[in-house]
Amino acid sequence: MSISRKRLEELKNIPEEAIDTSDIPELDANFWSKAKLVKPITKTAISIRVDSDVLDWFKSQGKGYQSLMNAVLRSYVEHQKD
């Protein structure tokens, strides 16, 4: 899901006191004692050959098709680890 620059600008201009945070629990010491640092996985640009129809299908899914391809490959890798 992507968000337009216009919407981001609108959100940026909402005053803090107008934001309802009543449904967000406080982060107490218990939360922080169980918290784990999650480092982002870096991506590497590569050149790969795929069948034209496969690439066409992923592209037809719209913006973010490369991330979708990565997610499919990640799912395959995770299932192979079992």
PDB file of N, CA and C in Angstrom:
ATOM      1  N   MET A   1       0.845  -1.179   0.000  1.00  0.00           N
ATOM      2  CA  MET A   1       0.000   0.000   0.000  1.00  0.00           C
ATOM      3  C   MET A   1       0.887   1.238   0.000  1.00  0.00           C
ATOM      4  N   SER A   2       0.579   2.164  -0.865  1.00  0.00           N
ATOM      5  CA  SER A   2       1.354   3.398  -0.891  1.00  0.00           C
ATOM      6  C   SER A   2       0.429   4.567  -0.535  1.00  0.00           C
ATOM      7  N   ILE A   3       1.053   5.660  -0.168  1.00  0.00           N
ATOM      8  CA  ILE A   3       0.298   6.843   0.236  1.00  0.00           C
ATOM      9  C   ILE A   3       0.815   8.026  -0.584  1.00  0.00           C
ATOM     10  N   SER A   4      -0.109   8.856  -1.032  1.00  0.00           N
ATOM     11  CA  SER A   4       0.283   9.969  -1.895  1.00  0.00           C
ATOM     12  C   SER A   4       1.018  11.047  -1.099  1.00  0.00           C
ATOM     13  N   ARG A   5       1.811  11.814  -1.824  1.00  0.00           N
ATOM     14  CA  ARG A   5       2.532  12.929  -1.188  1.00  0.00           C
ATOM     15  C   ARG A   5       1.536  13.921  -0.584  1.00  0.00           C
ATOM     16  N   LYS A   6       0.414  14.117  -1.281  1.00  0.00           N
ATOM     17  CA  LYS A   6      -0.608  15.051  -0.790  1.00  0.00           C
ATOM     18  C   LYS A   6      -1.142  14.584   0.567  1.00  0.00           C
ATOM     19  N   ARG A   7      -1.453  13.277   0.671  1.00  0.00           N
ATOM     20  CA  ARG A   7      -1.980  12.748   1.931  1.00  0.00           C
ATOM     21  C   ARG A   7      -0.931  12.825   3.040  1.00  0.00           C
ATOM     22  N   LEU A   8       0.324  12.538   2.708  1.00  0.00           N
ATOM     23  CA  LEU A   8       1.391  12.659   3.698  1.00  0.00           C
ATOM     24  C   LEU A   8       1.492  14.082   4.224  1.00  0.00           C
ATOM     25  N   GLU A   9       1.361  15.051   3.328  1.00  0.00           N
ATOM     26  CA  GLU A   9       1.415  16.457   3.730  1.00  0.00           C
ATOM     27  C   GLU A   9       0.229  16.796   4.637  1.00  0.00           C
ATOM     28  N   GLU A  10      -0.966  16.271   4.298  1.00  0.00           N
ATOM     29  CA  GLU A  10      -2.145  16.503   5.136  1.00  0.00           C
ATOM     30  C   GLU A  10      -1.917  15.941   6.538  1.00  0.00           C
ATOM     31  N   LEU A  11      -1.390  14.726   6.616  1.00  0.00           N
ATOM     32  CA  LEU A  11      -1.147  14.088   7.912  1.00  0.00           C
ATOM     33  C   LEU A  11      -0.100  14.849   8.714  1.00  0.00           C
ATOM     34  N   LYS A  12       0.909  15.345   8.020  1.00  0.00           N
ATOM     35  CA  LYS A  12       1.980  16.091   8.679  1.00  0.00           C
ATOM     36  C   LYS A  12       1.447  17.361   9.327  1.00  0.00           C
ATOM     37  N   ASN A  13       0.399  17.924   8.763  1.00  0.00           N
ATOM     38  CA  ASN A  13      -0.128  19.193   9.244  1.00  0.00           C
ATOM     39  C   ASN A  13      -1.222  19.058  10.297  1.00  0.00           C
ATOM     40  N   ILE A  14      -1.550  17.828  10.712  1.00  0.00           N
ATOM     41  CA  ILE A  14      -2.530  17.640  11.778  1.00  0.00           C
ATOM     42  C   ILE A  14      -1.863  17.979  13.104  1.00  0.00           C
ATOM     43  N   PRO A  15      -2.465  18.868  13.893  1.00  0.00           N
ATOM     44  CA  PRO A  15      -1.867  19.204  15.194  1.00  0.00           C
ATOM     45  C   PRO A  15      -1.873  17.975  16.114  1.00  0.00           C
ATOM     46  N   GLU A  16      -0.844  17.838  16.934  1.00  0.00           N
ATOM     47  CA  GLU A  16      -0.731  16.672  17.817  1.00  0.00           C
ATOM     48  C   GLU A  16      -1.940  16.510  18.723  1.00  0.00           C
ATOM     49  N   GLU A  17      -2.485  17.609  19.210  1.00  0.00           N
ATOM     50  CA  GLU A  17      -3.634  17.510  20.122  1.00  0.00           C
ATOM     51  C   GLU A  17      -4.904  17.007  19.421  1.00  0.00           C
ATOM     52  N   ALA A  18      -4.908  17.004  18.101  1.00  0.00           N
ATOM     53  CA  ALA A  18      -6.070  16.514  17.343  1.00  0.00           C
ATOM     54  C   ALA A  18      -5.979  15.011  17.051  1.00  0.00           C
ATOM     55  N   ILE A  19      -4.883  14.395  17.423  1.00  0.00           N
ATOM     56  CA  ILE A  19      -4.689  12.972  17.159  1.00  0.00           C
ATOM     57  C   ILE A  19      -5.162  12.171  18.367  1.00  0.00           C
ATOM     58  N   ASP A  20      -6.105  11.253  18.139  1.00  0.00           N
ATOM     59  CA  ASP A  20      -6.647  10.423  19.212  1.00  0.00           C
ATOM     60  C   ASP A  20      -5.735   9.221  19.429  1.00  0.00           C
ATOM     61  N   THR A  21      -5.070   9.195  20.568  1.00  0.00           N
ATOM     62  CA  THR A  21      -4.167   8.079  20.895  1.00  0.00           C
ATOM     63  C   THR A  21      -4.715   7.245  22.044  1.00  0.00           C
ATOM     64  N   SER A  22      -6.004   7.400  22.357  1.00  0.00           N
ATOM     65  CA  SER A  22      -6.582   6.727  23.521  1.00  0.00           C
ATOM     66  C   SER A  22      -6.593   5.205  23.405  1.00  0.00           C
ATOM     67  N   ASP A  23      -6.537   4.678  22.190  1.00  0.00           N
ATOM     68  CA  ASP A  23      -6.564   3.223  22.027  1.00  0.00           C
ATOM     69  C   ASP A  23      -5.166   2.611  21.957  1.00  0.00           C
ATOM     70  N   ILE A  24      -4.141   3.416  22.159  1.00  0.00           N
ATOM     71  CA  ILE A  24      -2.761   2.928  22.114  1.00  0.00           C
ATOM     72  C   ILE A  24      -2.287   2.689  23.543  1.00  0.00           C
ATOM     73  N   PRO A  25      -1.919   1.443  23.882  1.00  0.00           N
ATOM     74  CA  PRO A  25      -1.473   1.186  25.257  1.00  0.00           C
ATOM     75  C   PRO A  25      -0.129   1.854  25.551  1.00  0.00           C
ATOM     76  N   GLU A  26       0.077   2.171  26.827  1.00  0.00           N
ATOM     77  CA  GLU A  26       1.355   2.730  27.253  1.00  0.00           C
ATOM     78  C   GLU A  26       2.430   1.655  27.132  1.00  0.00           C
ATOM     79  N   LEU A  27       3.632   2.046  26.759  1.00  0.00           N
ATOM     80  CA  LEU A  27       4.749   1.119  26.673  1.00  0.00           C
ATOM     81  C   LEU A  27       5.487   1.151  28.009  1.00  0.00           C
ATOM     82  N   ASP A  28       5.159   0.179  28.862  1.00  0.00           N
ATOM     83  CA  ASP A  28       5.740   0.134  30.192  1.00  0.00           C
ATOM     84  C   ASP A  28       7.053  -0.665  30.206  1.00  0.00           C
ATOM     85  N   ALA A  29       7.636  -0.823  31.381  1.00  0.00           N
ATOM     86  CA  ALA A  29       8.904  -1.537  31.524  1.00  0.00           C
ATOM     87  C   ALA A  29       8.790  -2.981  31.049  1.00  0.00           C
ATOM     88  N   ASN A  30       7.621  -3.604  31.241  1.00  0.00           N
ATOM     89  CA  ASN A  30       7.411  -4.983  30.798  1.00  0.00           C
ATOM     90  C   ASN A  30       7.562  -5.086  29.278  1.00  0.00           C
ATOM     91  N   PHE A  31       6.999  -4.124  28.560  1.00  0.00           N
ATOM     92  CA  PHE A  31       7.128  -4.123  27.103  1.00  0.00           C
ATOM     93  C   PHE A  31       8.592  -4.052  26.704  1.00  0.00           C
ATOM     94  N   TRP A  32       9.329  -3.108  27.297  1.00  0.00           N
ATOM     95  CA  TRP A  32      10.721  -2.892  26.915  1.00  0.00           C
ATOM     96  C   TRP A  32      11.620  -4.050  27.334  1.00  0.00           C
ATOM     97  N   SER A  33      11.242  -4.780  28.383  1.00  0.00           N
ATOM     98  CA  SER A  33      12.065  -5.924  28.801  1.00  0.00           C
ATOM     99  C   SER A  33      11.976  -7.074  27.797  1.00  0.00           C
ATOM    100  N   LYS A  34      10.880  -7.110  27.041  1.00  0.00           N
ATOM    101  CA  LYS A  34      10.692  -8.177  26.043  1.00  0.00           C
ATOM    102  C   LYS A  34      11.003  -7.721  24.615  1.00  0.00           C
ATOM    103  N   ALA A  35      11.263  -6.441  24.448  1.00  0.00           N
ATOM    104  CA  ALA A  35      11.501  -5.897  23.108  1.00  0.00           C
ATOM    105  C   ALA A  35      12.796  -6.440  22.515  1.00  0.00           C
ATOM    106  N   LYS A  36      12.778  -6.663  21.203  1.00  0.00           N
ATOM    107  CA  LYS A  36      13.964  -7.141  20.496  1.00  0.00           C
ATOM    108  C   LYS A  36      14.297  -6.172  19.374  1.00  0.00           C
ATOM    109  N   LEU A  37      15.575  -5.948  19.168  1.00  0.00           N
ATOM    110  CA  LEU A  37      16.033  -5.111  18.070  1.00  0.00           C
ATOM    111  C   LEU A  37      15.922  -5.914  16.774  1.00  0.00           C
ATOM    112  N   VAL A  38      15.238  -5.361  15.809  1.00  0.00           N
ATOM    113  CA  VAL A  38      15.100  -6.026  14.511  1.00  0.00           C
ATOM    114  C   VAL A  38      15.800  -5.156  13.474  1.00  0.00           C
ATOM    115  N   LYS A  39      16.891  -5.682  12.957  1.00  0.00           N
ATOM    116  CA  LYS A  39      17.638  -4.936  11.950  1.00  0.00           C
ATOM    117  C   LYS A  39      17.019  -5.200  10.577  1.00  0.00           C
ATOM    118  N   PRO A  40      16.876  -4.156   9.774  1.00  0.00           N
ATOM    119  CA  PRO A  40      16.295  -4.353   8.444  1.00  0.00           C
ATOM    120  C   PRO A  40      17.217  -5.183   7.555  1.00  0.00           C
ATOM    121  N   ILE A  41      16.603  -5.975   6.706  1.00  0.00           N
ATOM    122  CA  ILE A  41      17.368  -6.765   5.753  1.00  0.00           C
ATOM    123  C   ILE A  41      17.643  -5.879   4.547  1.00  0.00           C
ATOM    124  N   THR A  42      18.906  -5.774   4.191  1.00  0.00           N
ATOM    125  CA  THR A  42      19.246  -4.957   3.030  1.00  0.00           C
ATOM    126  C   THR A  42      19.001  -5.754   1.757  1.00  0.00           C
ATOM    127  N   LYS A  43      18.651  -5.061   0.718  1.00  0.00           N
ATOM    128  CA  LYS A  43      18.412  -5.700  -0.570  1.00  0.00           C
ATOM    129  C   LYS A  43      19.618  -5.434  -1.476  1.00  0.00           C
ATOM    130  N   THR A  44      19.864  -6.367  -2.357  1.00  0.00           N
ATOM    131  CA  THR A  44      20.969  -6.268  -3.295  1.00  0.00           C
ATOM    132  C   THR A  44      20.414  -6.257  -4.712  1.00  0.00           C
ATOM    133  N   ALA A  45      20.834  -5.302  -5.504  1.00  0.00           N
ATOM    134  CA  ALA A  45      20.407  -5.244  -6.900  1.00  0.00           C
ATOM    135  C   ALA A  45      21.139  -6.330  -7.684  1.00  0.00           C
ATOM    136  N   ILE A  46      20.381  -7.102  -8.453  1.00  0.00           N
ATOM    137  CA  ILE A  46      20.967  -8.167  -9.270  1.00  0.00           C
ATOM    138  C   ILE A  46      20.349  -8.145 -10.657  1.00  0.00           C
ATOM    139  N   SER A  47      20.926  -8.915 -11.530  1.00  0.00           N
ATOM    140  CA  SER A  47      20.337  -9.141 -12.847  1.00  0.00           C
ATOM    141  C   SER A  47      19.905 -10.597 -12.862  1.00  0.00           C
ATOM    142  N   ILE A  48      18.669 -10.858 -13.240  1.00  0.00           N
ATOM    143  CA  ILE A  48      18.141 -12.215 -13.224  1.00  0.00           C
ATOM    144  C   ILE A  48      17.325 -12.447 -14.498  1.00  0.00           C
ATOM    145  N   ARG A  49      17.395 -13.657 -15.021  1.00  0.00           N
ATOM    146  CA  ARG A  49      16.611 -14.002 -16.200  1.00  0.00           C
ATOM    147  C   ARG A  49      15.392 -14.797 -15.766  1.00  0.00           C
ATOM    148  N   VAL A  50      14.226 -14.305 -16.144  1.00  0.00           N
ATOM    149  CA  VAL A  50      12.972 -15.009 -15.861  1.00  0.00           C
ATOM    150  C   VAL A  50      12.176 -15.104 -17.154  1.00  0.00           C
ATOM    151  N   ASP A  51      11.277 -16.064 -17.197  1.00  0.00           N
ATOM    152  CA  ASP A  51      10.434 -16.206 -18.379  1.00  0.00           C
ATOM    153  C   ASP A  51       9.594 -14.945 -18.564  1.00  0.00           C
ATOM    154  N   SER A  52       9.412 -14.547 -19.806  1.00  0.00           N
ATOM    155  CA  SER A  52       8.683 -13.311 -20.119  1.00  0.00           C
ATOM    156  C   SER A  52       7.279 -13.318 -19.551  1.00  0.00           C
ATOM    157  N   ASP A  53       6.591 -14.456 -19.633  1.00  0.00           N
ATOM    158  CA  ASP A  53       5.215 -14.502 -19.136  1.00  0.00           C
ATOM    159  C   ASP A  53       5.165 -14.363 -17.619  1.00  0.00           C
ATOM    160  N   VAL A  54       6.192 -14.872 -16.932  1.00  0.00           N
ATOM    161  CA  VAL A  54       6.253 -14.735 -15.476  1.00  0.00           C
ATOM    162  C   VAL A  54       6.455 -13.261 -15.115  1.00  0.00           C
ATOM    163  N   LEU A  55       7.393 -12.616 -15.777  1.00  0.00           N
ATOM    164  CA  LEU A  55       7.639 -11.197 -15.522  1.00  0.00           C
ATOM    165  C   LEU A  55       6.406 -10.366 -15.855  1.00  0.00           C
ATOM    166  N   ASP A  56       5.756 -10.680 -16.968  1.00  0.00           N
ATOM    167  CA  ASP A  56       4.547  -9.941 -17.360  1.00  0.00           C
ATOM    168  C   ASP A  56       3.467 -10.053 -16.288  1.00  0.00           C
ATOM    169  N   TRP A  57       3.324 -11.261 -15.717  1.00  0.00           N
ATOM    170  CA  TRP A  57       2.299 -11.447 -14.687  1.00  0.00           C
ATOM    171  C   TRP A  57       2.612 -10.594 -13.465  1.00  0.00           C
ATOM    172  N   PHE A  58       3.866 -10.639 -13.009  1.00  0.00           N
ATOM    173  CA  PHE A  58       4.223  -9.836 -11.837  1.00  0.00           C
ATOM    174  C   PHE A  58       4.031  -8.352 -12.116  1.00  0.00           C
ATOM    175  N   LYS A  59       4.438  -7.896 -13.295  1.00  0.00           N
ATOM    176  CA  LYS A  59       4.256  -6.483 -13.642  1.00  0.00           C
ATOM    177  C   LYS A  59       2.785  -6.105 -13.690  1.00  0.00           C
ATOM    178  N   SER A  60       1.938  -7.056 -14.107  1.00  0.00           N
ATOM    179  CA  SER A  60       0.500  -6.769 -14.191  1.00  0.00           C
ATOM    180  C   SER A  60      -0.121  -6.563 -12.811  1.00  0.00           C
ATOM    181  N   GLN A  61       0.598  -6.950 -11.757  1.00  0.00           N
ATOM    182  CA  GLN A  61       0.095  -6.774 -10.393  1.00  0.00           C
ATOM    183  C   GLN A  61       0.239  -5.331  -9.928  1.00  0.00           C
ATOM    184  N   GLY A  62       0.964  -4.540 -10.712  1.00  0.00           N
ATOM    185  CA  GLY A  62       1.077  -3.112 -10.413  1.00  0.00           C
ATOM    186  C   GLY A  62       2.362  -2.742  -9.706  1.00  0.00           C
ATOM    187  N   LYS A  63       2.359  -1.528  -9.189  1.00  0.00           N
ATOM    188  CA  LYS A  63       3.533  -0.979  -8.515  1.00  0.00           C
ATOM    189  C   LYS A  63       3.958  -1.907  -7.385  1.00  0.00           C
ATOM    190  N   GLY A  64       5.248  -2.109  -7.265  1.00  0.00           N
ATOM    191  CA  GLY A  64       5.772  -2.973  -6.214  1.00  0.00           C
ATOM    192  C   GLY A  64       5.936  -4.411  -6.657  1.00  0.00           C
ATOM    193  N   TYR A  65       5.900  -4.641  -7.967  1.00  0.00           N
ATOM    194  CA  TYR A  65       5.982  -6.023  -8.448  1.00  0.00           C
ATOM    195  C   TYR A  65       7.311  -6.676  -8.071  1.00  0.00           C
ATOM    196  N   GLN A  66       8.386  -5.904  -7.994  1.00  0.00           N
ATOM    197  CA  GLN A  66       9.670  -6.489  -7.615  1.00  0.00           C
ATOM    198  C   GLN A  66       9.656  -6.924  -6.148  1.00  0.00           C
ATOM    199  N   SER A  67       9.020  -6.141  -5.307  1.00  0.00           N
ATOM    200  CA  SER A  67       8.879  -6.531  -3.899  1.00  0.00           C
ATOM    201  C   SER A  67       8.015  -7.777  -3.778  1.00  0.00           C
ATOM    202  N   LEU A  68       7.011  -7.878  -4.623  1.00  0.00           N
ATOM    203  CA  LEU A  68       6.166  -9.076  -4.639  1.00  0.00           C
ATOM    204  C   LEU A  68       6.985 -10.295  -5.056  1.00  0.00           C
ATOM    205  N   MET A  69       7.821 -10.140  -6.067  1.00  0.00           N
ATOM    206  CA  MET A  69       8.694 -11.238  -6.488  1.00  0.00           C
ATOM    207  C   MET A  69       9.611 -11.640  -5.342  1.00  0.00           C
ATOM    208  N   ASN A  70      10.141 -10.666  -4.621  1.00  0.00           N
ATOM    209  CA  ASN A  70      11.004 -10.950  -3.481  1.00  0.00           C
ATOM    210  C   ASN A  70      10.236 -11.706  -2.405  1.00  0.00           C
ATOM    211  N   ALA A  71       8.990 -11.305  -2.154  1.00  0.00           N
ATOM    212  CA  ALA A  71       8.172 -11.978  -1.141  1.00  0.00           C
ATOM    213  C   ALA A  71       7.911 -13.433  -1.513  1.00  0.00           C
ATOM    214  N   VAL A  72       7.671 -13.694  -2.796  1.00  0.00           N
ATOM    215  CA  VAL A  72       7.451 -15.063  -3.258  1.00  0.00           C
ATOM    216  C   VAL A  72       8.721 -15.890  -3.053  1.00  0.00           C
ATOM    217  N   LEU A  73       9.858 -15.331  -3.409  1.00  0.00           N
ATOM    218  CA  LEU A  73      11.126 -16.034  -3.219  1.00  0.00           C
ATOM    219  C   LEU A  73      11.412 -16.260  -1.731  1.00  0.00           C
ATOM    220  N   ARG A  74      11.122 -15.266  -0.900  1.00  0.00           N
ATOM    221  CA  ARG A  74      11.329 -15.400   0.542  1.00  0.00           C
ATOM    222  C   ARG A  74      10.451 -16.521   1.097  1.00  0.00           C
ATOM    223  N   SER A  75       9.205 -16.584   0.668  1.00  0.00           N
ATOM    224  CA  SER A  75       8.302 -17.643   1.117  1.00  0.00           C
ATOM    225  C   SER A  75       8.859 -19.012   0.754  1.00  0.00           C
ATOM    226  N   TYR A  76       9.368 -19.136  -0.454  1.00  0.00           N
ATOM    227  CA  TYR A  76       9.963 -20.398  -0.901  1.00  0.00           C
ATOM    228  C   TYR A  76      11.152 -20.774  -0.006  1.00  0.00           C
ATOM    229  N   VAL A  77      12.015 -19.818   0.249  1.00  0.00           N
ATOM    230  CA  VAL A  77      13.194 -20.070   1.086  1.00  0.00           C
ATOM    231  C   VAL A  77      12.772 -20.516   2.476  1.00  0.00           C
ATOM    232  N   GLU A  78      11.801 -19.806   3.080  1.00  0.00           N
ATOM    233  CA  GLU A  78      11.342 -20.149   4.422  1.00  0.00           C
ATOM    234  C   GLU A  78      10.774 -21.562   4.468  1.00  0.00           C
ATOM    235  N   HIS A  79      10.038 -21.952   3.451  1.00  0.00           N
ATOM    236  CA  HIS A  79       9.456 -23.308   3.424  1.00  0.00           C
ATOM    237  C   HIS A  79      10.515 -24.381   3.206  1.00  0.00           C
ATOM    238  N   GLN A  80      11.610 -24.030   2.574  1.00  0.00           N
ATOM    239  CA  GLN A  80      12.684 -24.984   2.363  1.00  0.00           C
ATOM    240  C   GLN A  80      13.487 -25.233   3.642  1.00  0.00           C
ATOM    241  N   LYS A  81      13.446 -24.296   4.578  1.00  0.00           N
ATOM    242  CA  LYS A  81      14.192 -24.417   5.821  1.00  0.00           C
ATOM    243  C   LYS A  81      13.586 -25.476   6.752  1.00  0.00           C
ATOM    244  N   ASP A  82      12.321 -25.768   6.601  1.00  0.00           N
ATOM    245  CA  ASP A  82      11.630 -26.717   7.505  1.00  0.00           C
ATOM    246  C   ASP A  82      12.093 -28.130   7.335  1.00  0.00           C
TER     247      ASP A  82
END
